[in-house]
N, C-alpha and C. Protein backbone atom coordinates (compact mmCIF):
# COMPACT_ATOMS: atom_id res chain seq x y z
N UNK A 1 0.91 -1.08 0.09
CA UNK A 1 0.25 -0.06 0.06
C UNK A 1 0.68 1.21 0.15
N UNK A 2 2.06 1.34 0.71
CA UNK A 2 2.91 2.27 0.63
C UNK A 2 3.70 2.65 -0.44
N UNK A 3 4.15 1.37 -1.10
CA UNK A 3 5.25 1.33 -2.48
C UNK A 3 3.86 2.56 -3.51
N UNK A 4 2.60 1.70 -3.49
CA UNK A 4 1.54 2.07 -4.61
C UNK A 4 1.44 3.42 -4.78
N UNK A 5 1.30 3.95 -2.82
CA UNK A 5 0.93 5.65 -2.89
C UNK A 5 2.12 6.01 -3.13
N UNK A 6 3.00 6.00 -3.34
CA UNK A 6 4.51 6.58 -3.43
C UNK A 6 4.19 6.63 -4.76
N UNK A 7 3.82 5.44 -5.51
CA UNK A 7 3.96 5.47 -6.88
C UNK A 7 3.16 6.49 -7.50
N UNK A 8 2.00 6.88 -6.72
CA UNK A 8 0.93 7.40 -7.27
C UNK A 8 1.37 9.31 -7.23
N UNK A 9 2.53 9.46 -6.57
CA UNK A 9 3.01 11.08 -6.22
C UNK A 9 3.23 11.52 -7.77
N UNK A 10 3.83 10.66 -8.54
CA UNK A 10 4.71 11.60 -9.85
C UNK A 10 5.12 10.27 -10.56
N UNK A 11 4.72 10.58 -11.99
CA UNK A 11 5.10 9.48 -13.09
C UNK A 11 6.53 9.36 -13.21
N UNK A 12 7.30 10.02 -12.39
CA UNK A 12 9.06 9.76 -12.83
C UNK A 12 9.11 8.83 -11.61
N UNK A 13 8.37 9.33 -10.37
CA UNK A 13 8.82 8.13 -8.93
C UNK A 13 7.92 7.13 -9.48
N UNK A 14 6.92 7.07 -10.04
CA UNK A 14 6.34 5.43 -10.50
C UNK A 14 7.37 4.66 -11.21
N UNK A 15 7.97 5.60 -12.18
CA UNK A 15 9.27 5.04 -13.07
C UNK A 15 10.37 4.16 -12.65
N UNK A 16 10.72 5.09 -12.07
CA UNK A 16 11.93 4.65 -10.69
C UNK A 16 11.65 3.65 -9.76
N UNK A 17 10.49 3.56 -9.17
CA UNK A 17 10.23 2.14 -8.54
C UNK A 17 10.10 1.04 -9.09
N UNK A 18 9.35 1.41 -10.55
CA UNK A 18 9.19 -0.18 -11.42
C UNK A 18 10.34 -0.69 -11.86
N UNK A 19 11.66 0.40 -12.09
CA UNK A 19 12.83 0.03 -12.58
C UNK A 19 13.46 -0.56 -11.15
N UNK A 20 13.61 0.18 -10.30
CA UNK A 20 13.74 -0.51 -9.16
C UNK A 20 13.56 -1.78 -8.67
N UNK A 21 12.07 -2.03 -9.03
CA UNK A 21 11.46 -3.38 -8.56
C UNK A 21 12.25 -4.34 -9.79
N UNK A 22 12.20 -3.88 -11.32
CA UNK A 22 12.82 -5.07 -11.85
C UNK A 22 13.91 -5.58 -11.57
N UNK A 23 15.00 -4.52 -11.34
CA UNK A 23 16.54 -4.81 -10.59
C UNK A 23 16.10 -5.52 -9.61
N UNK A 24 16.01 -5.67 -8.91
CA UNK A 24 15.35 -6.52 -7.45
C UNK A 24 14.93 -7.52 -7.88
N UNK A 25 14.00 -7.80 -8.75
CA UNK A 25 13.51 -9.16 -9.15
C UNK A 25 14.81 -10.10 -10.49
N UNK A 26 15.04 -8.93 -11.30
CA UNK A 26 16.31 -9.99 -11.64
C UNK A 26 17.62 -10.36 -10.54
N UNK A 27 17.82 -9.59 -10.04
CA UNK A 27 18.93 -10.01 -8.92
C UNK A 27 18.31 -11.03 -8.04
N UNK A 28 17.32 -11.38 -7.74
CA UNK A 28 17.16 -12.51 -7.01
C UNK A 28 16.99 -13.73 -7.55
N UNK A 29 16.41 -13.49 -9.09
CA UNK A 29 16.65 -14.33 -9.75
C UNK A 29 17.71 -15.10 -10.49
N UNK A 30 18.77 -14.02 -10.43
CA UNK A 30 20.09 -14.48 -10.52
C UNK A 30 20.50 -15.34 -9.67
N UNK A 31 20.75 -14.59 -8.57
CA UNK A 31 21.22 -15.28 -7.42
C UNK A 31 20.28 -16.87 -6.79
N UNK A 32 19.47 -17.23 -7.69
CA UNK A 32 19.03 -18.36 -7.53
C UNK A 32 19.44 -19.31 -8.86
N UNK A 33 19.69 -18.88 -9.71
CA UNK A 33 20.49 -19.13 -11.00
C UNK A 33 22.08 -19.43 -10.37
N UNK A 34 22.13 -18.56 -9.79
CA UNK A 34 23.92 -19.37 -9.64
C UNK A 34 23.91 -20.18 -8.33
N UNK A 35 23.25 -19.97 -7.46
CA UNK A 35 23.07 -21.04 -5.97
C UNK A 35 22.73 -22.28 -7.07
N UNK A 36 21.91 -22.41 -8.18
CA UNK A 36 21.74 -23.85 -9.06
C UNK A 36 22.85 -24.51 -9.25
N UNK A 37 23.51 -23.49 -9.95
CA UNK A 37 24.73 -23.71 -11.04
C UNK A 37 25.90 -24.32 -9.64
N UNK A 38 26.14 -23.57 -8.69
CA UNK A 38 26.77 -23.79 -7.81
C UNK A 38 27.00 -25.05 -7.17
N UNK A 39 25.31 -25.47 -6.64
CA UNK A 39 24.97 -27.05 -6.61
C UNK A 39 25.23 -28.06 -7.29
N UNK A 40 24.66 -27.60 -8.43
CA UNK A 40 24.60 -28.73 -9.34
C UNK A 40 25.85 -28.80 -10.56
N UNK A 41 26.74 -27.83 -10.55
CA UNK A 41 28.06 -27.50 -11.57
C UNK A 41 26.89 -27.73 -13.08
N UNK A 42 25.94 -27.05 -13.45
CA UNK A 42 25.69 -27.05 -14.54
C UNK A 42 24.35 -25.87 -14.71
N UNK A 43 24.02 -25.47 -16.12
CA UNK A 43 23.25 -24.50 -16.41
C UNK A 43 21.85 -25.36 -15.97
N UNK A 44 20.81 -24.82 -15.94
CA UNK A 44 19.84 -25.69 -16.02
C UNK A 44 18.98 -25.66 -17.60
N UNK A 45 18.47 -27.46 -17.39
CA UNK A 45 18.23 -27.97 -18.33
C UNK A 45 17.10 -27.82 -19.24
N UNK A 46 16.67 -27.18 -20.63
CA UNK A 46 15.38 -27.08 -21.39
C UNK A 46 14.50 -28.19 -20.72
N UNK A 47 15.46 -29.71 -20.66
CA UNK A 47 14.41 -31.09 -20.68
C UNK A 47 13.57 -31.13 -18.93
N UNK A 48 14.10 -30.03 -18.41
CA UNK A 48 14.07 -30.47 -16.45
C UNK A 48 12.80 -31.01 -16.78
N UNK A 49 12.37 -31.36 -15.56
CA UNK A 49 10.89 -31.71 -15.12
C UNK A 49 10.30 -29.89 -14.31
N UNK A 50 9.01 -29.96 -14.99
CA UNK A 50 8.85 -28.46 -14.90
C UNK A 50 8.38 -28.12 -13.39
N UNK A 51 9.12 -26.71 -13.06
CA UNK A 51 9.38 -26.50 -11.59
C UNK A 51 10.38 -25.35 -11.48
N UNK A 52 11.31 -25.00 -10.58
CA UNK A 52 11.94 -23.81 -10.82
C UNK A 52 13.29 -24.32 -11.70
N UNK A 53 14.30 -25.24 -12.21
CA UNK A 53 15.11 -25.49 -13.01
C UNK A 53 14.29 -24.90 -14.04
N UNK A 54 13.15 -25.38 -14.22
CA UNK A 54 12.66 -25.09 -16.05
C UNK A 54 12.43 -23.42 -15.74
N UNK A 55 12.18 -22.90 -14.82
CA UNK A 55 11.75 -21.87 -15.07
C UNK A 55 13.26 -21.08 -15.12
N UNK A 56 13.89 -21.47 -14.42
CA UNK A 56 15.53 -20.79 -14.26
C UNK A 56 16.04 -20.77 -15.89
N UNK A 57 15.91 -22.17 -16.78
CA UNK A 57 16.22 -22.21 -17.70
C UNK A 57 15.47 -21.10 -18.62
N UNK A 58 14.17 -21.10 -18.62
CA UNK A 58 13.64 -20.24 -19.44
C UNK A 58 13.95 -18.73 -18.89
N UNK A 59 14.59 -18.08 -17.66
CA UNK A 59 14.65 -17.00 -17.50
C UNK A 59 15.96 -16.39 -17.82
N UNK A 60 17.06 -17.79 -18.21
CA UNK A 60 18.08 -17.54 -18.67
C UNK A 60 18.37 -17.63 -20.03
N UNK A 61 17.31 -18.14 -20.58
CA UNK A 61 17.52 -17.74 -22.48
C UNK A 61 16.99 -16.56 -22.87
N UNK A 62 15.88 -16.32 -21.87
CA UNK A 62 15.58 -14.73 -22.25
C UNK A 62 16.57 -13.88 -21.97
N UNK A 63 17.48 -13.73 -21.40
CA UNK A 63 18.20 -13.23 -21.13
C UNK A 63 19.13 -13.32 -21.94
N UNK A 64 19.67 -14.73 -22.44
CA UNK A 64 20.57 -14.79 -23.42
C UNK A 64 20.17 -13.84 -24.61
N UNK A 65 18.81 -14.16 -25.06
CA UNK A 65 17.72 -13.51 -26.38
C UNK A 65 18.28 -11.69 -25.96
N UNK A 66 18.03 -11.58 -24.99
CA UNK A 66 18.02 -9.87 -24.53
C UNK A 66 19.55 -9.17 -23.98
N UNK A 67 20.31 -9.91 -24.44
CA UNK A 67 21.87 -9.21 -24.07
C UNK A 67 22.11 -7.59 -24.11
N UNK A 68 21.06 -7.12 -25.13
CA UNK A 68 21.44 -5.67 -25.51
C UNK A 68 20.77 -4.92 -24.64
N UNK A 69 19.90 -5.40 -23.83
CA UNK A 69 18.96 -4.65 -22.71
C UNK A 69 19.23 -4.93 -21.38
N UNK A 70 20.46 -5.88 -21.14
CA UNK A 70 21.19 -5.83 -19.82
C UNK A 70 22.08 -4.81 -19.51
N UNK A 71 22.21 -4.30 -18.28
CA UNK A 71 23.49 -3.46 -17.54
C UNK A 71 24.73 -4.20 -18.08
N UNK A 72 25.89 -3.76 -18.29
CA UNK A 72 27.27 -4.08 -18.26
C UNK A 72 27.06 -4.89 -16.76
N UNK A 73 26.88 -4.73 -15.79
CA UNK A 73 26.64 -5.20 -14.50
C UNK A 73 26.51 -6.57 -14.28
N UNK A 74 25.18 -6.73 -15.08
CA UNK A 74 24.28 -7.97 -15.41
C UNK A 74 25.08 -8.80 -16.05
N UNK A 75 25.50 -8.37 -17.47
CA UNK A 75 26.22 -9.36 -18.32
C UNK A 75 27.79 -9.72 -17.59
N UNK A 76 28.36 -9.00 -16.74
CA UNK A 76 29.38 -9.70 -15.68
C UNK A 76 29.09 -10.42 -14.98
N UNK A 77 28.15 -10.24 -14.38
CA UNK A 77 27.26 -11.58 -13.28
C UNK A 77 26.82 -12.42 -14.01
N UNK A 78 26.47 -12.55 -15.28
CA UNK A 78 25.97 -13.68 -15.89
C UNK A 78 27.03 -14.56 -16.40
N UNK A 79 28.19 -14.14 -16.62
CA UNK A 79 29.45 -14.47 -17.54
C UNK A 79 30.22 -15.32 -16.43
N UNK A 80 29.83 -14.49 -15.22
CA UNK A 80 30.81 -15.24 -14.17
C UNK A 80 30.12 -16.74 -13.80
N UNK A 81 28.66 -16.65 -14.06
CA UNK A 81 28.17 -18.05 -13.52
C UNK A 81 28.42 -19.27 -14.11
N UNK A 82 28.93 -19.83 -15.21
CA UNK A 82 29.37 -20.83 -16.00
C UNK A 82 30.13 -21.00 -16.98
N UNK A 83 31.30 -21.48 -17.42
CA UNK A 83 31.81 -21.13 -18.67
C UNK A 83 31.01 -21.08 -19.81
N UNK A 84 30.20 -22.18 -19.83
CA UNK A 84 29.24 -22.12 -21.00
C UNK A 84 28.96 -21.01 -21.39
N UNK A 85 27.78 -20.27 -20.25
CA UNK A 85 27.42 -19.00 -20.43
C UNK A 85 28.34 -17.90 -21.18
N UNK A 86 29.72 -17.68 -20.43
CA UNK A 86 30.69 -17.04 -20.78
C UNK A 86 31.21 -17.04 -22.16
N UNK A 87 31.10 -18.44 -22.81
CA UNK A 87 31.40 -18.61 -24.09
C UNK A 87 29.97 -18.07 -25.04
N UNK A 88 28.63 -18.15 -24.62
CA UNK A 88 27.63 -17.59 -25.16
C UNK A 88 27.59 -16.35 -25.45
N UNK A 89 27.83 -15.44 -24.36
CA UNK A 89 27.85 -14.13 -23.94
C UNK A 89 28.77 -13.46 -24.90
N UNK A 90 30.25 -14.06 -24.65
CA UNK A 90 31.26 -13.58 -25.32
C UNK A 90 31.02 -13.42 -27.35
N UNK A 91 30.13 -14.81 -27.69
CA UNK A 91 29.92 -14.94 -28.87
C UNK A 91 28.84 -14.03 -29.34
N UNK A 92 27.97 -13.73 -28.64
CA UNK A 92 26.73 -12.87 -28.73
C UNK A 92 27.36 -11.49 -29.12
N UNK A 93 27.99 -10.85 -28.36
CA UNK A 93 28.94 -9.82 -27.74
C UNK A 93 29.80 -9.35 -29.10
N UNK A 94 30.78 -10.32 -29.62
CA UNK A 94 31.55 -10.19 -30.91
C UNK A 94 31.27 -11.69 -31.62
N UNK A 95 30.17 -11.25 -32.61
CA UNK A 95 30.01 -12.18 -33.87
C UNK A 95 31.02 -13.03 -34.35
N UNK A 96 32.60 -12.01 -34.45
CA UNK A 96 33.58 -12.66 -35.21
C UNK A 96 34.23 -13.45 -34.51
N UNK A 97 34.01 -13.71 -33.22
CA UNK A 97 34.50 -14.71 -32.35
C UNK A 97 34.85 -16.16 -32.31
N UNK A 98 34.43 -16.58 -33.19
CA UNK A 98 34.66 -17.84 -33.65
C UNK A 98 35.23 -17.79 -34.98
N UNK A 99 35.30 -17.07 -35.70
CA UNK A 99 36.17 -16.77 -36.86
C UNK A 99 37.63 -16.71 -36.00
N UNK A 100 37.67 -15.75 -35.16
CA UNK A 100 38.80 -15.16 -34.73
C UNK A 100 39.88 -16.56 -33.95
N UNK A 101 38.81 -17.27 -33.13
CA UNK A 101 39.16 -18.56 -32.38
C UNK A 101 39.81 -19.54 -33.62
N UNK A 102 39.17 -19.84 -34.69
CA UNK A 102 39.56 -20.76 -35.94
C UNK A 102 41.21 -19.77 -36.29
N UNK A 103 41.15 -18.47 -36.49
CA UNK A 103 42.00 -17.97 -37.37
C UNK A 103 43.46 -18.11 -36.30
N UNK A 104 43.15 -18.10 -34.96
CA UNK A 104 44.36 -18.13 -34.23
C UNK A 104 44.70 -19.58 -34.00
N UNK A 105 43.74 -20.77 -33.84
CA UNK A 105 43.95 -21.93 -34.31
C UNK A 105 44.96 -22.25 -35.62
N UNK A 106 44.54 -21.58 -36.64
CA UNK A 106 44.87 -22.14 -37.62
C UNK A 106 46.68 -21.53 -37.53
N UNK A 107 46.93 -20.15 -37.13
CA UNK A 107 47.87 -19.42 -36.91
C UNK A 107 48.96 -20.14 -36.29
N UNK A 108 48.41 -21.00 -35.06
CA UNK A 108 49.22 -21.71 -34.06
C UNK A 108 49.78 -22.89 -34.56
N UNK A 109 48.69 -23.50 -35.60
CA UNK A 109 49.38 -24.70 -36.05
C UNK A 109 50.13 -24.51 -37.37
N UNK A 110 50.28 -23.80 -38.30
CA UNK A 110 50.98 -23.42 -39.11
C UNK A 110 52.56 -22.96 -38.10
N UNK A 111 52.51 -22.36 -37.72
CA UNK A 111 53.60 -22.04 -36.60
C UNK A 111 54.62 -23.12 -36.10
N UNK A 112 53.60 -24.03 -35.46
CA UNK A 112 54.14 -25.49 -35.07
C UNK A 112 54.68 -26.35 -36.02
N UNK A 113 53.90 -26.34 -37.00
CA UNK A 113 54.11 -27.27 -38.25
C UNK A 113 54.71 -26.61 -39.44
N UNK A 114 55.07 -25.48 -39.63
CA UNK A 114 55.29 -24.99 -40.55
C UNK A 114 54.51 -24.90 -42.05
N UNK A 115 53.34 -25.81 -41.93
CA UNK A 115 52.80 -25.33 -42.86
C UNK A 115 51.35 -25.76 -42.97
N UNK A 116 50.38 -26.08 -43.94
CA UNK A 116 48.93 -25.59 -43.87
C UNK A 116 48.19 -27.09 -43.57
N UNK A 117 47.27 -27.13 -42.50
CA UNK A 117 46.72 -28.24 -42.29
C UNK A 117 45.88 -29.36 -43.36
N UNK A 118 46.47 -30.25 -43.21
CA UNK A 118 45.63 -31.09 -44.35
C UNK A 118 44.37 -31.65 -44.05
N UNK A 119 43.19 -30.77 -44.54
CA UNK A 119 41.82 -31.19 -44.20
C UNK A 119 41.26 -31.80 -44.69
N UNK A 120 41.70 -33.25 -45.26
CA UNK A 120 41.15 -34.31 -45.70
C UNK A 120 41.40 -35.31 -44.57
N UNK A 121 42.85 -35.13 -43.94
CA UNK A 121 42.77 -36.21 -42.84
C UNK A 121 42.35 -35.96 -41.43
N UNK A 122 42.03 -37.61 -41.41
CA UNK A 122 40.95 -37.32 -39.56
C UNK A 122 42.10 -37.44 -38.43
N UNK A 123 43.36 -37.81 -38.66
CA UNK A 123 44.30 -37.80 -37.25
C UNK A 123 44.32 -35.92 -36.72
N UNK A 124 45.10 -36.05 -35.70
CA UNK A 124 44.77 -35.14 -34.66
C UNK A 124 46.14 -33.94 -35.10
N UNK A 125 47.19 -34.51 -35.98
CA UNK A 125 48.19 -33.59 -36.48
C UNK A 125 47.74 -33.62 -37.93
N UNK A 126 46.95 -32.93 -38.31
CA UNK A 126 46.30 -32.78 -39.61
C UNK A 126 47.75 -32.18 -40.29
């Protein structure tokens, strides 16, 4: 009731309160996600039984789809939850990341072996 009364005082106050509530809700869900990953060692799975894990999975998918709307701090927090999230976020933030990684691997191979790889070979030392 007090929040509603405060919200009704001015439209700018209402916007600030809404923003604060959204950030607080985001932080609570993030904390639950981080606790889940710490406890299980993995990110929530989409094939999980309905419940909190599935909720966290859907929430995380939404965060990954909307990275541009997150603050820098929120992105840093998500990157720190699990290595697979770090990789996904980095790839989203830099679309050329995969290409750069492969180019670096190619450069390392050529430096080590003095030649280009043989792409048709199946063994490790192409």
